[in-house]
Amino acid sequence: MATYRGRKTDICRTVGYDIWGRAKSPATKRGYPAGQHGPNLKDRRQSEYGEQLLAKQVIRRYYNLLEKQFSNSFRKAQRMSGNTSLNFLRLLELRLATAVWRLGYARTIFQARQLVSHCHVLVNGRVVNISSFQLQVGDEVQVRDREVSRGIARANHYEGAPVPAYMEADVQNYRGKIISLPEREDFPKFFQEQQVVEYYAR
């Protein structure tokens, strides 16, 4: 199973803030690119291509995807009817690992991926260990009914997770349900998905 082995904060240092909203991040103290000349590059001008590339990398890192996974999702969104950029974000948001993160069972998208791959999660009552599994409206995501699985969720204080509007959480039963498709306001404001569309349209 392929996974990203590089620094998780490289894009955060480049854009000047932590894209996952974590308080303890190098970007909060050093809001400039890494390296000896990083402080001098903080206010540099970027080309149009550079802006598009950075917008793509921010979203890709946010959802913890490899380049091939990311581009394949975009190609799939292009074949769907409707707004390509919104369809693209919906495909990323409705991945199983993202849903586990949103429901609070994992503290980070990286831990969510591990929870799924270690068979701690059920979808509609069946074990699914594929983090890229695409959820649909009406699907239920649940932590397995065993102490080791639910102990992880409790340790992450899942009860207080800010569950998005398109999901419905059943806290007592460690369960969440997709009740509608996410809209643009359900995604981070710093996403520049139109830049990603322009990047792949080159």
Protein backbone atom coordinates (compact mmCIF):
# COMPACT_ATOMS: atom_id res chain seq x y z
CA MET A 1 0.00 0.00 0.00
CA ALA A 2 1.56 3.28 -1.11
CA THR A 3 1.84 6.11 1.38
CA TYR A 4 3.47 9.54 1.55
CA ARG A 5 6.72 9.42 3.52
CA GLY A 6 7.81 13.03 3.28
CA ARG A 7 7.34 15.91 5.71
CA LYS A 8 3.68 16.60 6.42
CA THR A 9 4.28 20.27 7.13
CA ASP A 10 6.14 21.28 3.96
CA ILE A 11 3.07 22.85 2.35
CA CYS A 12 2.07 24.46 5.66
CA ARG A 13 5.44 26.23 5.83
CA THR A 14 5.05 27.43 2.24
CA VAL A 15 1.54 28.88 2.62
CA GLY A 16 2.29 30.25 6.09
CA TYR A 17 -0.36 28.46 8.13
CA ASP A 18 -1.27 24.94 9.22
CA ILE A 19 -3.85 23.61 6.76
CA TRP A 20 -5.27 21.13 9.31
CA GLY A 21 -5.73 23.78 12.00
CA ARG A 22 -3.37 22.20 14.52
CA ALA A 23 -2.10 24.51 17.25
CA LYS A 24 1.32 22.87 17.48
CA SER A 25 2.74 23.23 14.00
CA PRO A 26 6.04 24.63 12.70
CA ALA A 27 4.02 26.95 10.44
CA THR A 28 2.59 28.84 13.43
CA LYS A 29 6.07 29.92 14.53
CA ARG A 30 7.84 29.99 11.18
CA GLY A 31 5.35 31.07 8.54
CA TYR A 32 7.76 30.90 5.64
CA PRO A 33 9.23 28.14 3.43
CA ALA A 34 11.75 25.76 4.95
CA GLY A 35 15.45 26.13 4.27
CA GLN A 36 18.25 28.62 4.73
CA HIS A 37 16.66 31.24 2.48
CA GLY A 38 13.10 30.59 3.64
CA PRO A 39 12.52 33.99 5.33
CA ASN A 40 13.57 35.79 2.13
CA LEU A 41 11.04 33.79 0.09
CA LYS A 42 8.05 34.67 2.26
CA ASP A 43 6.81 37.54 0.10
CA ARG A 44 8.08 36.38 -3.27
CA ARG A 45 5.86 36.71 -6.32
CA GLN A 46 4.63 33.51 -7.93
CA SER A 47 3.79 32.79 -11.51
CA GLU A 48 0.27 31.77 -12.49
CA TYR A 49 1.43 28.18 -12.79
CA GLY A 50 3.04 28.37 -9.34
CA GLU A 51 -0.22 29.55 -7.77
CA GLN A 52 -2.15 26.75 -9.45
CA LEU A 53 0.38 24.15 -8.36
CA LEU A 54 0.32 25.38 -4.75
CA ALA A 55 -3.50 25.31 -4.68
CA LYS A 56 -3.40 21.71 -5.89
CA GLN A 57 -0.78 20.69 -3.34
CA VAL A 58 -2.70 22.26 -0.44
CA ILE A 59 -5.86 20.24 -1.18
CA ARG A 60 -3.87 17.09 -1.92
CA ARG A 61 -1.96 17.27 1.36
CA TYR A 62 -5.12 18.18 3.28
CA TYR A 63 -6.76 14.90 2.26
CA ASN A 64 -3.49 12.90 2.44
CA LEU A 65 -3.54 11.68 -1.16
CA LEU A 66 -0.77 10.67 -3.51
CA GLU A 67 -0.54 12.44 -6.86
CA LYS A 68 -2.03 9.55 -8.86
CA GLN A 69 -4.98 9.19 -6.48
CA PHE A 70 -5.59 12.93 -6.64
CA SER A 71 -5.45 13.19 -10.43
CA ASN A 72 -7.64 10.10 -10.86
CA SER A 73 -10.28 11.68 -8.62
CA PHE A 74 -10.19 14.83 -10.73
CA ARG A 75 -10.59 12.87 -13.97
CA LYS A 76 -13.58 11.10 -12.44
CA ALA A 77 -15.11 14.46 -11.45
CA GLN A 78 -14.69 15.69 -15.02
CA ARG A 79 -16.82 12.83 -16.28
CA MET A 80 -19.63 13.62 -13.86
CA SER A 81 -22.47 16.00 -14.70
CA GLY A 82 -22.61 19.36 -12.94
CA ASN A 83 -19.92 21.60 -11.49
CA THR A 84 -16.53 19.88 -11.90
CA SER A 85 -14.83 21.67 -8.99
CA LEU A 86 -17.66 20.91 -6.54
CA ASN A 87 -17.92 17.29 -7.72
CA PHE A 88 -14.16 16.97 -7.23
CA LEU A 89 -14.29 18.23 -3.64
CA ARG A 90 -17.24 15.94 -2.91
CA LEU A 91 -15.30 12.91 -4.13
CA LEU A 92 -12.46 13.78 -1.77
CA GLU A 93 -14.74 14.58 1.16
CA LEU A 94 -16.74 11.36 0.85
CA ARG A 95 -13.73 9.06 1.09
CA LEU A 96 -14.03 6.71 4.06
CA ALA A 97 -10.88 8.00 5.78
CA THR A 98 -12.21 11.56 5.60
CA ALA A 99 -15.55 10.52 7.11
CA VAL A 100 -13.77 8.79 10.01
CA TRP A 101 -11.81 11.99 10.62
CA ARG A 102 -14.90 14.21 10.42
CA LEU A 103 -16.78 12.07 12.93
CA GLY A 104 -13.94 12.52 15.41
CA TYR A 105 -12.88 8.90 15.66
CA ALA A 106 -9.38 10.00 14.59
CA ARG A 107 -7.52 13.18 15.47
CA THR A 108 -5.94 13.56 12.05
CA ILE A 109 -6.53 12.40 8.50
CA PHE A 110 -3.38 10.30 8.87
CA GLN A 111 -4.70 8.46 11.92
CA ALA A 112 -8.04 7.99 10.15
CA ARG A 113 -6.32 6.22 7.28
CA GLN A 114 -4.61 3.90 9.76
CA LEU A 115 -7.85 3.15 11.59
CA VAL A 116 -9.49 2.10 8.34
CA SER A 117 -6.56 -0.02 7.15
CA HIS A 118 -6.42 -1.80 10.54
CA CYS A 119 -10.07 -2.88 10.22
CA HIS A 120 -11.50 -0.73 13.04
CA VAL A 121 -14.33 0.68 10.88
CA LEU A 122 -17.59 -0.69 9.48
CA VAL A 123 -19.58 0.65 6.54
CA ASN A 124 -23.22 -0.43 6.54
CA GLY A 125 -22.34 -3.19 9.01
CA ARG A 126 -19.42 -4.65 7.06
CA VAL A 127 -15.68 -4.21 7.68
CA VAL A 128 -14.01 -2.00 5.06
CA ASN A 129 -10.23 -1.55 5.16
CA ILE A 130 -9.88 0.66 2.06
CA SER A 131 -9.38 4.30 3.04
CA SER A 132 -10.37 5.51 -0.45
CA PHE A 133 -13.74 3.70 -0.30
CA GLN A 134 -16.31 6.08 -1.78
CA LEU A 135 -19.30 6.72 0.45
CA GLN A 136 -22.80 7.53 -0.82
CA VAL A 137 -25.73 9.38 0.71
CA GLY A 138 -27.38 7.00 3.19
CA ASP A 139 -24.22 5.06 4.08
CA GLU A 140 -23.46 4.48 7.77
CA VAL A 141 -19.94 4.58 9.18
CA GLN A 142 -19.40 2.90 12.53
CA VAL A 143 -16.54 1.97 14.83
CA ARG A 144 -16.39 -1.80 15.39
CA ASP A 145 -18.03 -3.09 18.56
CA ARG A 146 -14.88 -4.14 20.34
CA GLU A 147 -12.94 -2.48 23.11
CA VAL A 148 -9.70 -1.82 21.23
CA SER A 149 -11.54 -0.04 18.40
CA ARG A 150 -13.88 2.03 20.52
CA GLY A 151 -11.11 2.79 22.99
CA ILE A 152 -9.29 4.68 20.23
CA ALA A 153 -12.40 6.75 19.50
CA ARG A 154 -12.87 7.57 23.18
CA ALA A 155 -9.22 8.54 23.54
CA ASN A 156 -9.73 11.01 20.70
CA HIS A 157 -12.81 12.51 22.45
CA TYR A 158 -15.04 11.84 19.48
CA GLU A 159 -18.11 13.03 21.43
CA GLY A 160 -17.09 16.66 21.00
CA ALA A 161 -16.19 16.49 17.32
CA PRO A 162 -17.65 19.30 15.14
CA VAL A 163 -19.59 17.05 12.78
CA PRO A 164 -20.38 18.77 9.44
CA ALA A 165 -23.95 19.49 8.36
CA TYR A 166 -24.03 16.75 5.73
CA MET A 167 -23.45 14.07 8.40
CA GLU A 168 -25.56 12.87 11.29
CA ALA A 169 -23.76 11.50 14.34
CA ASP A 170 -25.07 8.84 16.72
CA VAL A 171 -22.61 9.40 19.55
CA GLN A 172 -23.90 6.64 21.83
CA ASN A 173 -23.52 3.93 19.18
CA TYR A 174 -20.23 5.22 17.67
CA ARG A 175 -21.99 5.73 14.36
CA GLY A 176 -22.41 8.40 11.71
CA LYS A 177 -24.53 8.65 8.59
CA ILE A 178 -24.17 10.59 5.34
CA ILE A 179 -27.51 12.42 5.04
CA SER A 180 -26.73 14.69 2.07
CA LEU A 181 -23.99 15.73 -0.31
CA PRO A 182 -21.55 18.32 1.08
CA GLU A 183 -21.89 21.87 -0.26
CA ARG A 184 -19.15 24.44 -0.80
CA GLU A 185 -19.59 25.96 2.66
CA ASP A 186 -18.72 22.57 4.20
CA PHE A 187 -15.17 22.81 2.85
CA PRO A 188 -12.32 24.98 4.16
CA LYS A 189 -12.43 28.56 2.91
CA PHE A 190 -8.77 28.48 1.88
CA PHE A 191 -9.43 25.86 -0.79
CA GLN A 192 -8.94 27.29 -4.28
CA GLU A 193 -10.48 24.49 -6.30
CA GLN A 194 -10.87 26.64 -9.42
CA GLN A 195 -7.10 26.94 -9.53
CA VAL A 196 -6.91 23.14 -9.54
CA VAL A 197 -9.34 23.00 -12.48
CA GLU A 198 -7.13 25.46 -14.36
CA TYR A 199 -4.02 23.45 -13.45
CA TYR A 200 -5.38 20.27 -15.02
CA ALA A 201 -6.77 22.20 -18.00
CA ARG A 202 -3.28 23.28 -19.12
